[in-house]
Protein backbone atom coordinates (compact mmCIF):
# COMPACT_ATOMS: atom_id res chain seq x y z
CA MET A 1 -20.04 20.53 -18.44
CA TYR A 2 -19.14 17.77 -16.01
CA ASP A 3 -20.32 17.95 -12.42
CA TYR A 4 -17.04 16.47 -11.19
CA LEU A 5 -13.54 16.15 -12.59
CA ILE A 6 -11.55 13.44 -10.80
CA VAL A 7 -7.80 13.41 -11.28
CA GLY A 8 -6.49 9.85 -10.97
CA ALA A 9 -8.09 6.46 -11.67
CA GLY A 10 -6.61 4.65 -8.69
CA PRO A 11 -8.65 3.20 -5.82
CA ALA A 12 -9.54 6.62 -4.34
CA GLY A 13 -10.58 8.11 -7.67
CA CYS A 14 -12.59 5.08 -8.77
CA VAL A 15 -14.47 4.76 -5.46
CA ILE A 16 -15.49 8.41 -5.30
CA ALA A 17 -16.41 8.39 -9.00
CA GLU A 18 -18.69 5.38 -8.56
CA ARG A 19 -20.46 6.88 -5.55
CA ILE A 20 -21.00 10.25 -7.24
CA ALA A 21 -22.27 8.62 -10.42
CA ALA A 22 -24.45 5.96 -8.82
CA ILE A 23 -25.84 7.76 -5.77
CA LEU A 24 -25.74 11.45 -6.65
CA ASP A 25 -26.53 10.79 -10.35
CA LYS A 26 -23.93 13.36 -11.34
CA SER A 27 -21.64 13.33 -14.37
CA VAL A 28 -17.98 12.45 -13.77
CA LEU A 29 -14.87 12.71 -15.89
CA ILE A 30 -11.87 10.69 -14.63
CA VAL A 31 -8.53 11.81 -16.02
CA GLU A 32 -5.58 9.44 -15.58
CA ILE A 33 -2.04 10.16 -16.74
CA ARG A 34 -1.10 6.47 -16.97
CA ASN A 35 -2.44 4.06 -19.57
CA HIS A 36 -4.53 2.01 -17.15
CA ILE A 37 -6.92 2.22 -14.22
CA GLY A 38 -6.37 0.86 -10.72
CA GLY A 39 -3.37 2.97 -9.74
CA ASN A 40 -0.63 0.93 -8.11
CA ALA A 41 -3.08 -1.93 -7.56
CA TYR A 42 -3.16 -2.52 -11.33
CA ASP A 43 -2.72 -6.15 -12.37
CA TYR A 44 -2.53 -7.80 -15.76
CA TYR A 45 -1.67 -11.08 -17.51
CA ASP A 46 1.96 -11.21 -18.59
CA GLN A 47 3.27 -12.74 -21.83
CA HIS A 48 3.04 -16.21 -20.24
CA GLY A 49 -0.59 -15.73 -19.23
CA ILE A 50 0.20 -15.32 -15.52
CA LEU A 51 -1.68 -12.67 -13.55
CA ILE A 52 0.86 -10.33 -11.95
CA HIS A 53 0.83 -7.04 -10.06
CA LYS A 54 2.80 -4.46 -12.02
CA TYR A 55 3.62 -2.28 -9.03
CA GLY A 56 4.26 -4.88 -6.37
CA PRO A 57 2.02 -7.19 -4.34
CA HIS A 58 -1.32 -5.85 -3.13
CA ILE A 59 -3.07 -7.92 -0.48
CA PHE A 60 -6.50 -6.73 0.56
CA HIS A 61 -7.16 -6.80 4.30
CA THR A 62 -9.53 -4.83 6.51
CA ASN A 63 -11.48 -4.91 9.74
CA SER A 64 -14.18 -2.72 8.20
CA LYS A 65 -17.34 -4.53 7.18
CA VAL A 66 -18.47 -1.32 5.46
CA VAL A 67 -15.41 -1.33 3.18
CA PHE A 68 -15.59 -5.08 2.57
CA ASP A 69 -19.30 -4.99 1.71
CA TYR A 70 -18.84 -1.99 -0.55
CA LEU A 71 -16.08 -3.59 -2.62
CA SER A 72 -17.96 -6.90 -2.71
CA GLN A 73 -20.45 -5.25 -5.07
CA PHE A 74 -17.78 -5.34 -7.76
CA THR A 75 -15.96 -8.62 -7.23
CA ALA A 76 -16.16 -12.13 -5.89
CA TRP A 77 -13.32 -13.00 -3.52
CA HIS A 78 -11.19 -15.91 -2.47
CA LEU A 79 -9.74 -16.12 1.01
CA PHE A 80 -6.05 -15.40 1.33
CA GLU A 81 -4.00 -14.95 4.48
CA LEU A 82 -0.56 -13.62 3.64
CA ARG A 83 2.42 -15.39 5.16
CA VAL A 84 5.86 -13.90 4.68
CA ALA A 85 9.28 -15.41 5.27
CA ALA A 86 12.52 -13.53 5.91
CA ASN A 87 15.85 -14.83 4.69
CA VAL A 88 17.99 -14.44 7.84
CA ASP A 89 21.24 -16.25 8.66
CA GLY A 90 20.66 -18.62 5.75
CA GLN A 91 17.21 -19.64 6.98
CA LYS A 92 13.76 -18.63 5.84
CA VAL A 93 11.85 -17.86 9.02
CA PRO A 94 8.42 -16.29 9.64
CA ILE A 95 8.02 -12.53 9.75
CA PRO A 96 6.46 -10.87 11.76
CA ILE A 97 8.67 -12.42 14.41
CA ASN A 98 6.80 -15.09 16.36
CA LEU A 99 7.51 -18.17 18.48
CA ASP A 100 8.53 -20.28 15.48
CA THR A 101 10.86 -17.53 14.23
CA ILE A 102 12.86 -17.55 17.47
CA ASN A 103 12.92 -21.32 17.84
CA GLU A 104 14.07 -21.86 14.24
CA LEU A 105 16.56 -19.00 14.24
CA TYR A 106 18.31 -19.92 17.47
CA GLY A 107 17.65 -23.68 17.55
CA LEU A 108 15.49 -23.42 20.66
CA ASN A 109 12.35 -25.10 21.93
CA PHE A 110 10.70 -22.20 23.72
CA SER A 111 7.14 -22.12 24.94
CA GLU A 112 5.16 -18.90 24.70
CA THR A 113 6.01 -18.14 28.35
CA ASP A 114 9.71 -18.68 27.60
CA LEU A 115 9.54 -16.28 24.69
CA ILE A 116 7.91 -13.54 26.75
CA LYS A 117 10.82 -13.81 29.21
CA PHE A 118 13.30 -13.88 26.31
CA PHE A 119 11.94 -10.62 24.91
CA GLU A 120 11.91 -9.04 28.36
CA LEU A 121 15.59 -9.84 28.83
CA ALA A 122 16.55 -8.78 25.30
CA ALA A 123 14.59 -5.51 25.31
CA GLU A 124 16.46 -2.29 26.00
CA PRO A 125 13.96 0.23 27.36
CA VAL A 126 14.30 3.83 26.20
CA ASP A 127 13.11 6.90 28.07
CA SER A 128 11.20 8.22 25.09
CA VAL A 129 10.43 6.45 21.82
CA THR A 130 11.26 9.00 19.14
CA ASN A 131 12.16 6.89 16.10
CA SER A 132 11.79 3.44 14.54
CA GLU A 133 14.98 2.09 16.09
CA ASP A 134 13.62 2.91 19.54
CA VAL A 135 10.38 1.07 18.73
CA VAL A 136 12.14 -2.20 17.92
CA ILE A 137 14.98 -2.20 20.43
CA SER A 138 12.67 -1.31 23.30
CA LYS A 139 10.58 -4.42 22.51
CA ILE A 140 12.99 -7.12 21.31
CA GLY A 141 16.56 -5.84 21.63
CA LYS A 142 19.47 -5.15 19.30
CA ASP A 143 20.21 -8.63 17.91
CA LEU A 144 16.80 -9.15 16.35
CA TYR A 145 16.72 -5.49 15.37
CA SER A 146 19.96 -6.00 13.43
CA LYS A 147 18.84 -9.25 11.81
CA PHE A 148 15.37 -8.18 10.65
CA PHE A 149 14.92 -4.40 10.72
CA LYS A 150 18.09 -2.34 10.47
CA ASN A 151 19.32 -3.16 6.98
CA TYR A 152 15.88 -3.79 5.48
CA THR A 153 14.81 -0.31 6.57
CA LYS A 154 17.98 1.23 5.14
CA LYS A 155 17.37 -0.47 1.79
CA GLN A 156 13.68 0.45 1.73
CA TRP A 157 13.97 4.09 2.80
CA ASP A 158 17.66 4.92 2.31
CA LEU A 159 17.49 6.02 5.93
CA TRP A 160 18.43 4.19 9.09
CA PRO A 161 15.58 3.37 11.48
CA ASP A 162 16.77 6.02 13.93
CA GLU A 163 16.14 8.61 11.19
CA LEU A 164 12.50 7.58 10.66
CA ASP A 165 9.27 8.20 12.50
CA PRO A 166 8.31 5.44 14.99
CA SER A 167 5.28 4.55 12.84
CA VAL A 168 7.43 2.91 10.14
CA CYS A 169 8.67 -0.07 12.16
CA ALA A 170 5.66 0.00 14.49
CA ARG A 171 3.59 -1.29 11.55
CA ILE A 172 5.23 -4.70 12.00
CA PRO A 173 4.12 -6.46 15.20
CA THR A 174 6.06 -8.93 17.32
CA ARG A 175 4.17 -12.02 18.51
CA THR A 176 4.76 -14.54 21.25
CA ASN A 177 2.46 -17.18 19.75
CA ARG A 178 2.75 -19.18 16.52
CA ASP A 179 0.45 -16.98 14.43
CA SER A 180 2.37 -16.69 11.16
CA ARG A 181 -0.14 -14.48 9.34
CA TYR A 182 1.27 -11.14 8.26
CA PHE A 183 -2.08 -9.47 8.93
CA THR A 184 -4.72 -10.30 11.54
CA ASP A 185 -7.65 -8.37 10.03
CA LYS A 186 -11.13 -9.88 10.03
CA TYR A 187 -11.35 -9.80 6.23
CA GLN A 188 -8.34 -11.06 4.27
CA VAL A 189 -9.22 -11.71 0.64
CA MET A 190 -8.14 -11.33 -2.97
CA PRO A 191 -10.44 -10.40 -5.88
CA LYS A 192 -11.04 -13.54 -7.92
CA GLU A 193 -10.67 -11.79 -11.27
CA GLY A 194 -8.00 -9.35 -10.14
CA TYR A 195 -7.93 -5.72 -9.05
CA THR A 196 -8.12 -4.21 -12.52
CA GLU A 197 -11.36 -6.05 -13.21
CA LEU A 198 -12.74 -4.92 -9.84
CA PHE A 199 -12.11 -1.27 -10.66
CA ARG A 200 -13.31 -1.68 -14.25
CA LYS A 201 -16.67 -2.89 -12.95
CA MET A 202 -16.69 -0.11 -10.35
CA ILE A 203 -16.50 2.68 -12.93
CA ASN A 204 -18.62 0.96 -15.60
CA HIS A 205 -21.43 3.50 -15.31
CA PRO A 206 -23.07 5.73 -17.94
CA ASN A 207 -22.38 8.82 -15.82
CA ILE A 208 -18.62 8.13 -15.79
CA HIS A 209 -16.26 8.99 -18.64
CA LEU A 210 -12.59 8.03 -18.55
CA MET A 211 -9.58 9.58 -20.28
CA LEU A 212 -6.31 7.65 -20.02
CA GLN A 213 -2.81 8.92 -20.82
CA THR A 214 -4.03 12.44 -20.18
CA ASP A 215 -2.59 15.17 -17.98
CA TYR A 216 -5.53 16.94 -16.40
CA ARG A 217 -3.82 20.32 -16.87
CA ALA A 218 -4.08 19.80 -20.62
CA ILE A 219 -7.86 19.59 -20.50
CA GLU A 220 -8.98 21.55 -17.42
CA GLN A 221 -9.26 24.79 -19.39
CA VAL A 222 -10.92 23.00 -22.30
CA ILE A 223 -13.47 20.71 -20.66
CA PRO A 224 -15.66 22.59 -18.17
CA TYR A 225 -16.46 21.13 -14.76
CA LYS A 226 -17.95 22.30 -11.48
CA ARG A 227 -15.91 20.50 -8.83
CA LEU A 228 -12.50 18.87 -8.67
CA ILE A 229 -11.32 15.82 -6.70
CA TYR A 230 -7.57 15.43 -6.84
CA THR A 231 -5.81 12.14 -6.00
CA GLY A 232 -2.37 13.04 -7.32
CA CYS A 233 0.55 14.53 -5.40
CA ILE A 234 -0.66 17.59 -3.52
CA ASP A 235 2.64 19.43 -4.03
CA ALA A 236 2.33 18.99 -7.81
CA TYR A 237 -1.12 20.60 -7.74
CA PHE A 238 0.42 23.71 -6.19
CA ASN A 239 3.40 23.65 -8.57
CA TYR A 240 5.76 22.79 -5.70
CA LYS A 241 5.53 26.31 -4.29
CA PHE A 242 6.74 25.15 -0.86
CA GLY A 243 9.18 22.58 -2.22
CA LYS A 244 8.81 19.01 -3.40
CA LEU A 245 7.51 16.39 -0.98
CA PRO A 246 9.88 13.39 -1.03
CA TYR A 247 8.76 9.85 -1.78
CA ARG A 248 10.44 6.49 -2.01
CA SER A 249 9.88 4.67 -5.25
CA LEU A 250 10.32 1.10 -6.47
CA THR A 251 11.53 -0.68 -9.56
CA PHE A 252 10.80 -4.30 -10.43
CA SER A 253 12.33 -7.05 -12.46
CA PHE A 254 10.19 -10.02 -13.44
CA GLU A 255 11.32 -13.55 -14.11
CA THR A 256 9.32 -16.61 -15.18
CA PHE A 257 10.29 -20.18 -14.37
CA ASP A 258 9.14 -23.53 -15.77
CA LEU A 259 8.05 -24.54 -12.28
CA GLU A 260 4.67 -24.75 -10.64
CA TYR A 261 6.05 -22.85 -7.64
CA TYR A 262 9.42 -21.29 -6.84
CA GLN A 263 9.11 -20.52 -3.12
CA ASN A 264 6.94 -21.72 -0.25
CA THR A 265 5.30 -18.38 0.51
CA ALA A 266 3.97 -15.51 -1.58
CA ILE A 267 6.68 -13.16 -0.31
CA VAL A 268 10.21 -13.70 0.95
CA ASN A 269 12.00 -10.69 2.45
CA TYR A 270 15.75 -10.24 2.13
CA PRO A 271 16.74 -7.87 4.95
CA ASN A 272 20.51 -8.24 4.68
CA GLU A 273 21.52 -9.80 1.36
CA TYR A 274 21.12 -8.49 -2.22
CA ASP A 275 19.94 -5.11 -3.44
CA PHE A 276 16.29 -6.16 -3.67
CA THR A 277 14.11 -6.18 -0.56
CA ARG A 278 11.78 -9.04 -1.42
CA ILE A 279 10.71 -11.62 -3.97
CA THR A 280 7.00 -12.04 -4.69
CA GLU A 281 5.44 -15.09 -6.31
CA PHE A 282 2.00 -14.07 -7.50
CA LYS A 283 0.37 -17.47 -7.93
CA HIS A 284 0.29 -17.97 -4.17
CA MET A 285 -2.00 -14.93 -3.96
CA THR A 286 -4.08 -15.32 -7.12
CA ARG A 287 -4.49 -19.12 -6.87
CA GLN A 288 -4.08 -19.29 -10.63
CA MET A 289 -3.47 -22.76 -12.02
CA HIS A 290 -0.55 -22.56 -14.43
CA PRO A 291 2.47 -24.78 -15.16
CA LYS A 292 4.81 -21.77 -14.96
CA THR A 293 5.32 -19.14 -12.29
CA THR A 294 6.34 -15.47 -12.44
CA LEU A 295 8.33 -13.71 -9.73
CA SER A 296 8.99 -10.04 -9.09
CA TYR A 297 12.18 -8.72 -7.51
CA GLU A 298 11.57 -5.43 -5.72
CA TYR A 299 14.23 -2.72 -5.65
CA PRO A 300 13.73 0.49 -3.67
CA ALA A 301 14.60 3.66 -5.56
CA ALA A 302 15.01 7.37 -4.86
CA VAL A 303 13.27 8.49 -8.06
CA GLY A 304 10.35 7.23 -10.10
CA GLN A 305 6.68 6.63 -9.48
CA PRO A 306 5.81 7.94 -5.98
CA TYR A 307 5.01 5.03 -3.65
CA TYR A 308 5.76 5.84 -0.04
CA PRO A 309 5.56 9.24 1.64
CA ILE A 310 8.66 9.53 3.82
CA PRO A 311 7.50 10.02 7.44
CA ARG A 312 9.85 12.62 8.87
CA ASP A 313 9.03 15.79 10.78
CA GLU A 314 10.46 18.09 8.14
CA ASN A 315 8.28 16.49 5.45
CA THR A 316 5.17 16.79 7.59
CA LYS A 317 5.86 20.49 8.00
CA ILE A 318 6.02 20.95 4.22
CA TYR A 319 2.82 18.97 3.75
CA ASN A 320 1.02 21.06 6.35
CA LYS A 321 1.79 24.17 4.30
CA TYR A 322 0.17 22.58 1.27
CA LYS A 323 -2.80 21.42 3.33
CA ALA A 324 -3.34 24.97 4.58
CA GLU A 325 -3.47 26.13 0.96
CA ALA A 326 -5.80 23.28 0.05
CA ASP A 327 -8.19 24.18 2.87
CA LYS A 328 -8.64 27.64 1.34
CA LEU A 329 -9.93 26.26 -1.96
CA LYS A 330 -13.60 25.93 -2.78
CA ASN A 331 -14.94 22.94 -4.67
CA VAL A 332 -11.55 21.20 -4.63
CA TRP A 333 -10.78 18.13 -2.47
CA PHE A 334 -7.62 16.09 -2.00
CA VAL A 335 -7.84 12.38 -1.25
CA GLY A 336 -5.66 9.25 -1.24
CA ARG A 337 -2.08 8.48 -0.32
CA LEU A 338 -0.63 11.15 -2.63
CA GLY A 339 -3.30 13.75 -2.03
CA THR A 340 -2.88 13.64 1.74
CA TYR A 341 0.77 12.49 1.97
CA LYS A 342 -0.07 9.54 4.22
CA TYR A 343 1.07 5.93 4.06
CA TYR A 344 -2.41 4.42 3.75
CA ASN A 345 -3.36 0.79 3.16
CA MET A 346 -5.91 0.15 0.44
CA ASP A 347 -8.84 -0.20 2.83
CA GLN A 348 -7.90 3.11 4.45
CA VAL A 349 -7.95 4.80 1.05
CA VAL A 350 -11.41 3.35 0.36
CA THR A 351 -12.59 4.55 3.77
CA GLN A 352 -11.25 8.03 3.09
CA ALA A 353 -13.02 8.15 -0.28
CA LEU A 354 -16.31 6.95 1.21
CA ASN A 355 -16.03 9.58 3.96
CA LEU A 356 -15.43 12.29 1.38
CA PHE A 357 -18.52 11.11 -0.45
CA GLU A 358 -20.60 11.56 2.69
CA SER A 359 -19.41 15.17 2.79
CA LEU A 360 -20.34 15.62 -0.86
CA LYS A 361 -23.82 14.27 -0.16
CA SER A 362 -24.34 17.02 2.36
CA LEU A 363 -23.03 19.56 -0.13
CA GLU A 364 -25.49 18.30 -2.72
CA ASN A 365 -28.29 18.37 -0.11
CA ILE A 366 -28.84 14.62 -0.26
């Protein structure tokens, strides 16, 4: 008899498992359908000995000292501030759009004050921002929208920006200074030994047992447990009774070159050319010393491993039906990007798991 069965060994499942095992001193069984821990943050050394991220680049960033301090128990870090370039009009310019982006793209010599005026003139105000196209055009106008956002969004989501919730493009800021960092969080770091090692240390506890390549439905009637924490797709748990929640997926191709580095930044976006959306060079992030370098080419896909919940009103309505069913259950909790159908960053997933643990402490009278 396990005290807790946790479905999924990704960040949410590993965090809540560690807290239950270490603080509550309860027994935990983690069941993971894939052959590894870490979820989509899983990394490994490829055939050339280069540390790569199997499911696309994961950059840890947060403003939460609580989250940073918690994860620091399981890894040492190195500092890393992500800088991304976009291949636009034959030039590789900074994204998010900043002062250097505009000056390089248009051959200008603007000051910050000039750029503020430029955006004010280019912007096309809308009465009510209802979609992602409105978000961008109302701030920077149609030309920059077309160069950086329109086609990239279509490739990524197979929807035009005017078909998507405002939150999608609102995630990417526009700056009037020269700050070329993709994120501005207080803590921007990478685990020195990789994410897989971080999560391995996290769940290395005598109260935690792990079963890989196992569907929890195959064992839930065989292995007894008291409480269930589910980090998989919430619609799958309910056998899709209200319909399937749609996700965008990704596929990757990897290529290794006999070069120390291939590109100047970790990530280069391709908004308008090619079928892939971006090229990632992992050594920029991992700081690994190696004479070769491995790249990943990222292709959005309609089917496959679920990555991104699609933020549209009709999908939210379906999710809310599942959430209403979930709220009726006793001793069952849903957590993580798939369990709550939300496009969370990694630190937000950790926060959600830590918050759930605080609720479990109260339940256990601790």
